[in-house]
Amino acid sequence: MGLPRSTSYERSRTAPVAAALEALRRRYSDHWLLETLSFESPLQACHKLIALGAAA
């Protein structure tokens, strides 16, 4: 016995919620990443990390 199959009606009702949650996750992750990188671009952060590694 497995889980009951979802109907197209159920999928059509849950798809917008899933899309909204994914957008929220992406927005939160992007903001967190920017804040963690001190609002630098990924390339700037990479150069900074390389410089820190070379200085150590």
PDB file of N, CA and C in Angstrom:
ATOM      1  N   MET A   1       0.832  -1.195   0.000  1.00  0.00           N
ATOM      2  CA  MET A   1       0.000   0.000   0.000  1.00  0.00           C
ATOM      3  C   MET A   1       0.862   1.238   0.000  1.00  0.00           C
ATOM      4  N   GLY A   2       0.715   2.083  -0.833  1.00  0.00           N
ATOM      5  CA  GLY A   2       1.481   3.320  -0.832  1.00  0.00           C
ATOM      6  C   GLY A   2       0.595   4.478  -0.429  1.00  0.00           C
ATOM      7  N   LEU A   3       1.114   5.621  -0.643  1.00  0.00           N
ATOM      8  CA  LEU A   3       0.328   6.816  -0.393  1.00  0.00           C
ATOM      9  C   LEU A   3      -0.742   6.944  -1.474  1.00  0.00           C
ATOM     10  N   PRO A   4      -1.859   7.522  -1.137  1.00  0.00           N
ATOM     11  CA  PRO A   4      -2.882   7.701  -2.166  1.00  0.00           C
ATOM     12  C   PRO A   4      -2.384   8.672  -3.235  1.00  0.00           C
ATOM     13  N   ARG A   5      -2.785   8.432  -4.457  1.00  0.00           N
ATOM     14  CA  ARG A   5      -2.370   9.312  -5.549  1.00  0.00           C
ATOM     15  C   ARG A   5      -3.067  10.661  -5.423  1.00  0.00           C
ATOM     16  N   SER A   6      -2.329  11.701  -5.746  1.00  0.00           N
ATOM     17  CA  SER A   6      -2.953  13.015  -5.711  1.00  0.00           C
ATOM     18  C   SER A   6      -3.679  13.251  -7.034  1.00  0.00           C
ATOM     19  N   THR A   7      -4.721  13.997  -6.947  1.00  0.00           N
ATOM     20  CA  THR A   7      -5.506  14.294  -8.143  1.00  0.00           C
ATOM     21  C   THR A   7      -4.981  15.567  -8.781  1.00  0.00           C
ATOM     22  N   SER A   8      -5.349  15.793 -10.005  1.00  0.00           N
ATOM     23  CA  SER A   8      -4.915  17.023 -10.678  1.00  0.00           C
ATOM     24  C   SER A   8      -5.491  18.241  -9.957  1.00  0.00           C
ATOM     25  N   TYR A   9      -6.674  18.078  -9.361  1.00  0.00           N
ATOM     26  CA  TYR A   9      -7.265  19.183  -8.598  1.00  0.00           C
ATOM     27  C   TYR A   9      -6.370  19.528  -7.409  1.00  0.00           C
ATOM     28  N   GLU A  10      -5.900  18.522  -6.699  1.00  0.00           N
ATOM     29  CA  GLU A  10      -5.029  18.778  -5.551  1.00  0.00           C
ATOM     30  C   GLU A  10      -3.717  19.402  -5.990  1.00  0.00           C
ATOM     31  N   ARG A  11      -3.151  18.895  -7.087  1.00  0.00           N
ATOM     32  CA  ARG A  11      -1.892  19.455  -7.591  1.00  0.00           C
ATOM     33  C   ARG A  11      -2.082  20.901  -8.028  1.00  0.00           C
ATOM     34  N   SER A  12      -3.214  21.212  -8.649  1.00  0.00           N
ATOM     35  CA  SER A  12      -3.440  22.586  -9.104  1.00  0.00           C
ATOM     36  C   SER A  12      -3.612  23.532  -7.924  1.00  0.00           C
ATOM     37  N   ARG A  13      -4.092  23.014  -6.807  1.00  0.00           N
ATOM     38  CA  ARG A  13      -4.258  23.866  -5.618  1.00  0.00           C
ATOM     39  C   ARG A  13      -2.959  24.023  -4.857  1.00  0.00           C
ATOM     40  N   THR A  14      -2.101  23.010  -4.880  1.00  0.00           N
ATOM     41  CA  THR A  14      -0.853  23.094  -4.115  1.00  0.00           C
ATOM     42  C   THR A  14       0.291  23.710  -4.908  1.00  0.00           C
ATOM     43  N   ALA A  15       0.204  23.712  -6.229  1.00  0.00           N
ATOM     44  CA  ALA A  15       1.293  24.258  -7.052  1.00  0.00           C
ATOM     45  C   ALA A  15       1.592  25.731  -6.735  1.00  0.00           C
ATOM     46  N   PRO A  16       0.585  26.600  -6.613  1.00  0.00           N
ATOM     47  CA  PRO A  16       0.898  28.005  -6.284  1.00  0.00           C
ATOM     48  C   PRO A  16       1.558  28.153  -4.915  1.00  0.00           C
ATOM     49  N   VAL A  17       1.148  27.331  -3.971  1.00  0.00           N
ATOM     50  CA  VAL A  17       1.746  27.396  -2.630  1.00  0.00           C
ATOM     51  C   VAL A  17       3.200  26.954  -2.703  1.00  0.00           C
ATOM     52  N   ALA A  18       3.454  25.870  -3.417  1.00  0.00           N
ATOM     53  CA  ALA A  18       4.825  25.384  -3.574  1.00  0.00           C
ATOM     54  C   ALA A  18       5.693  26.426  -4.275  1.00  0.00           C
ATOM     55  N   ALA A  19       5.162  27.084  -5.289  1.00  0.00           N
ATOM     56  CA  ALA A  19       5.911  28.117  -6.011  1.00  0.00           C
ATOM     57  C   ALA A  19       6.213  29.304  -5.100  1.00  0.00           C
ATOM     58  N   ALA A  20       5.243  29.698  -4.289  1.00  0.00           N
ATOM     59  CA  ALA A  20       5.449  30.816  -3.365  1.00  0.00           C
ATOM     60  C   ALA A  20       6.501  30.468  -2.315  1.00  0.00           C
ATOM     61  N   LEU A  21       6.467  29.253  -1.807  1.00  0.00           N
ATOM     62  CA  LEU A  21       7.463  28.831  -0.821  1.00  0.00           C
ATOM     63  C   LEU A  21       8.859  28.781  -1.434  1.00  0.00           C
ATOM     64  N   GLU A  22       8.945  28.313  -2.663  1.00  0.00           N
ATOM     65  CA  GLU A  22      10.239  28.277  -3.353  1.00  0.00           C
ATOM     66  C   GLU A  22      10.771  29.686  -3.577  1.00  0.00           C
ATOM     67  N   ALA A  23       9.909  30.616  -3.968  1.00  0.00           N
ATOM     68  CA  ALA A  23      10.330  32.005  -4.164  1.00  0.00           C
ATOM     69  C   ALA A  23      10.807  32.618  -2.848  1.00  0.00           C
ATOM     70  N   LEU A  24      10.109  32.329  -1.771  1.00  0.00           N
ATOM     71  CA  LEU A  24      10.511  32.824  -0.459  1.00  0.00           C
ATOM     72  C   LEU A  24      11.861  32.249  -0.056  1.00  0.00           C
ATOM     73  N   ARG A  25      12.043  30.953  -0.284  1.00  0.00           N
ATOM     74  CA  ARG A  25      13.308  30.310   0.065  1.00  0.00           C
ATOM     75  C   ARG A  25      14.456  30.934  -0.727  1.00  0.00           C
ATOM     76  N   ARG A  26      14.220  31.148  -2.030  1.00  0.00           N
ATOM     77  CA  ARG A  26      15.253  31.736  -2.875  1.00  0.00           C
ATOM     78  C   ARG A  26      15.583  33.157  -2.413  1.00  0.00           C
ATOM     79  N   ARG A  27      14.541  33.951  -2.135  1.00  0.00           N
ATOM     80  CA  ARG A  27      14.744  35.335  -1.697  1.00  0.00           C
ATOM     81  C   ARG A  27      15.500  35.374  -0.371  1.00  0.00           C
ATOM     82  N   TYR A  28      15.119  34.510   0.578  1.00  0.00           N
ATOM     83  CA  TYR A  28      15.782  34.476   1.881  1.00  0.00           C
ATOM     84  C   TYR A  28      17.235  34.054   1.719  1.00  0.00           C
ATOM     85  N   SER A  29      17.473  33.012   0.924  1.00  0.00           N
ATOM     86  CA  SER A  29      18.836  32.516   0.735  1.00  0.00           C
ATOM     87  C   SER A  29      19.712  33.562   0.063  1.00  0.00           C
ATOM     88  N   ASP A  30      19.185  34.231  -0.953  1.00  0.00           N
ATOM     89  CA  ASP A  30      19.956  35.263  -1.638  1.00  0.00           C
ATOM     90  C   ASP A  30      20.293  36.402  -0.687  1.00  0.00           C
ATOM     91  N   HIS A  31      19.328  36.822   0.118  1.00  0.00           N
ATOM     92  CA  HIS A  31      19.572  37.916   1.062  1.00  0.00           C
ATOM     93  C   HIS A  31      20.600  37.493   2.101  1.00  0.00           C
ATOM     94  N   TRP A  32      20.443  36.274   2.631  1.00  0.00           N
ATOM     95  CA  TRP A  32      21.383  35.778   3.633  1.00  0.00           C
ATOM     96  C   TRP A  32      22.786  35.710   3.056  1.00  0.00           C
ATOM     97  N   LEU A  33      22.903  35.234   1.818  1.00  0.00           N
ATOM     98  CA  LEU A  33      24.210  35.121   1.189  1.00  0.00           C
ATOM     99  C   LEU A  33      24.835  36.497   1.013  1.00  0.00           C
ATOM    100  N   LEU A  34      24.054  37.455   0.541  1.00  0.00           N
ATOM    101  CA  LEU A  34      24.594  38.805   0.376  1.00  0.00           C
ATOM    102  C   LEU A  34      25.033  39.390   1.708  1.00  0.00           C
ATOM    103  N   GLU A  35      24.228  39.171   2.731  1.00  0.00           N
ATOM    104  CA  GLU A  35      24.575  39.706   4.041  1.00  0.00           C
ATOM    105  C   GLU A  35      25.829  39.025   4.576  1.00  0.00           C
ATOM    106  N   THR A  36      25.950  37.727   4.364  1.00  0.00           N
ATOM    107  CA  THR A  36      27.119  36.977   4.824  1.00  0.00           C
ATOM    108  C   THR A  36      28.378  37.450   4.102  1.00  0.00           C
ATOM    109  N   LEU A  37      28.243  37.800   2.840  1.00  0.00           N
ATOM    110  CA  LEU A  37      29.386  38.272   2.059  1.00  0.00           C
ATOM    111  C   LEU A  37      29.612  39.770   2.240  1.00  0.00           C
ATOM    112  N   SER A  38      29.017  40.361   3.235  1.00  0.00           N
ATOM    113  CA  SER A  38      29.128  41.795   3.512  1.00  0.00           C
ATOM    114  C   SER A  38      28.680  42.623   2.322  1.00  0.00           C
ATOM    115  N   PHE A  39      27.642  42.156   1.669  1.00  0.00           N
ATOM    116  CA  PHE A  39      27.042  42.853   0.537  1.00  0.00           C
ATOM    117  C   PHE A  39      28.031  43.045  -0.613  1.00  0.00           C
ATOM    118  N   GLU A  40      28.948  42.086  -0.767  1.00  0.00           N
ATOM    119  CA  GLU A  40      29.869  42.084  -1.896  1.00  0.00           C
ATOM    120  C   GLU A  40      29.333  41.146  -2.958  1.00  0.00           C
ATOM    121  N   SER A  41      29.805  41.328  -4.166  1.00  0.00           N
ATOM    122  CA  SER A  41      29.443  40.376  -5.207  1.00  0.00           C
ATOM    123  C   SER A  41      30.194  39.073  -4.923  1.00  0.00           C
ATOM    124  N   PRO A  42      29.725  37.963  -5.463  1.00  0.00           N
ATOM    125  CA  PRO A  42      30.449  36.704  -5.259  1.00  0.00           C
ATOM    126  C   PRO A  42      31.906  36.790  -5.726  1.00  0.00           C
ATOM    127  N   LEU A  43      32.156  37.495  -6.808  1.00  0.00           N
ATOM    128  CA  LEU A  43      33.529  37.636  -7.305  1.00  0.00           C
ATOM    129  C   LEU A  43      34.387  38.427  -6.316  1.00  0.00           C
ATOM    130  N   GLN A  44      33.829  39.498  -5.774  1.00  0.00           N
ATOM    131  CA  GLN A  44      34.574  40.290  -4.782  1.00  0.00           C
ATOM    132  C   GLN A  44      34.864  39.455  -3.544  1.00  0.00           C
ATOM    133  N   ALA A  45      33.890  38.694  -3.088  1.00  0.00           N
ATOM    134  CA  ALA A  45      34.082  37.846  -1.912  1.00  0.00           C
ATOM    135  C   ALA A  45      35.135  36.780  -2.185  1.00  0.00           C
ATOM    136  N   CYS A  46      35.129  36.221  -3.384  1.00  0.00           N
ATOM    137  CA  CYS A  46      36.115  35.204  -3.753  1.00  0.00           C
ATOM    138  C   CYS A  46      37.520  35.796  -3.705  1.00  0.00           C
ATOM    139  N   HIS A  47      37.694  36.974  -4.287  1.00  0.00           N
ATOM    140  CA  HIS A  47      39.009  37.632  -4.263  1.00  0.00           C
ATOM    141  C   HIS A  47      39.452  37.913  -2.826  1.00  0.00           C
ATOM    142  N   LYS A  48      38.498  38.311  -2.003  1.00  0.00           N
ATOM    143  CA  LYS A  48      38.811  38.602  -0.601  1.00  0.00           C
ATOM    144  C   LYS A  48      39.252  37.330   0.124  1.00  0.00           C
ATOM    145  N   LEU A  49      38.550  36.227  -0.110  1.00  0.00           N
ATOM    146  CA  LEU A  49      38.920  34.956   0.524  1.00  0.00           C
ATOM    147  C   LEU A  49      40.284  34.464   0.041  1.00  0.00           C
ATOM    148  N   ILE A  50      40.566  34.630  -1.233  1.00  0.00           N
ATOM    149  CA  ILE A  50      41.874  34.244  -1.768  1.00  0.00           C
ATOM    150  C   ILE A  50      42.970  35.070  -1.122  1.00  0.00           C
ATOM    151  N   ALA A  51      42.735  36.365  -0.983  1.00  0.00           N
ATOM    152  CA  ALA A  51      43.716  37.239  -0.348  1.00  0.00           C
ATOM    153  C   ALA A  51      43.928  36.856   1.099  1.00  0.00           C
ATOM    154  N   LEU A  52      42.847  36.499   1.813  1.00  0.00           N
ATOM    155  CA  LEU A  52      42.998  36.071   3.207  1.00  0.00           C
ATOM    156  C   LEU A  52      43.790  34.777   3.301  1.00  0.00           C
ATOM    157  N   GLY A  53      43.551  33.867   2.368  1.00  0.00           N
ATOM    158  CA  GLY A  53      44.283  32.592   2.349  1.00  0.00           C
ATOM    159  C   GLY A  53      45.738  32.797   2.041  1.00  0.00           C
ATOM    160  N   ALA A  54      46.047  33.708   1.145  1.00  0.00           N
ATOM    161  CA  ALA A  54      47.437  33.975   0.794  1.00  0.00           C
ATOM    162  C   ALA A  54      48.176  34.670   1.934  1.00  0.00           C
ATOM    163  N   ALA A  55      47.457  35.453   2.725  1.00  0.00           N
ATOM    164  CA  ALA A  55      48.072  36.173   3.842  1.00  0.00           C
ATOM    165  C   ALA A  55      48.348  35.251   5.028  1.00  0.00           C
ATOM    166  N   ALA A  56      47.636  34.141   5.089  1.00  0.00           N
ATOM    167  CA  ALA A  56      47.785  33.244   6.254  1.00  0.00           C
ATOM    168  C   ALA A  56      49.024  32.388   6.170  1.00  0.00           C
TER     169      ALA A  56
END
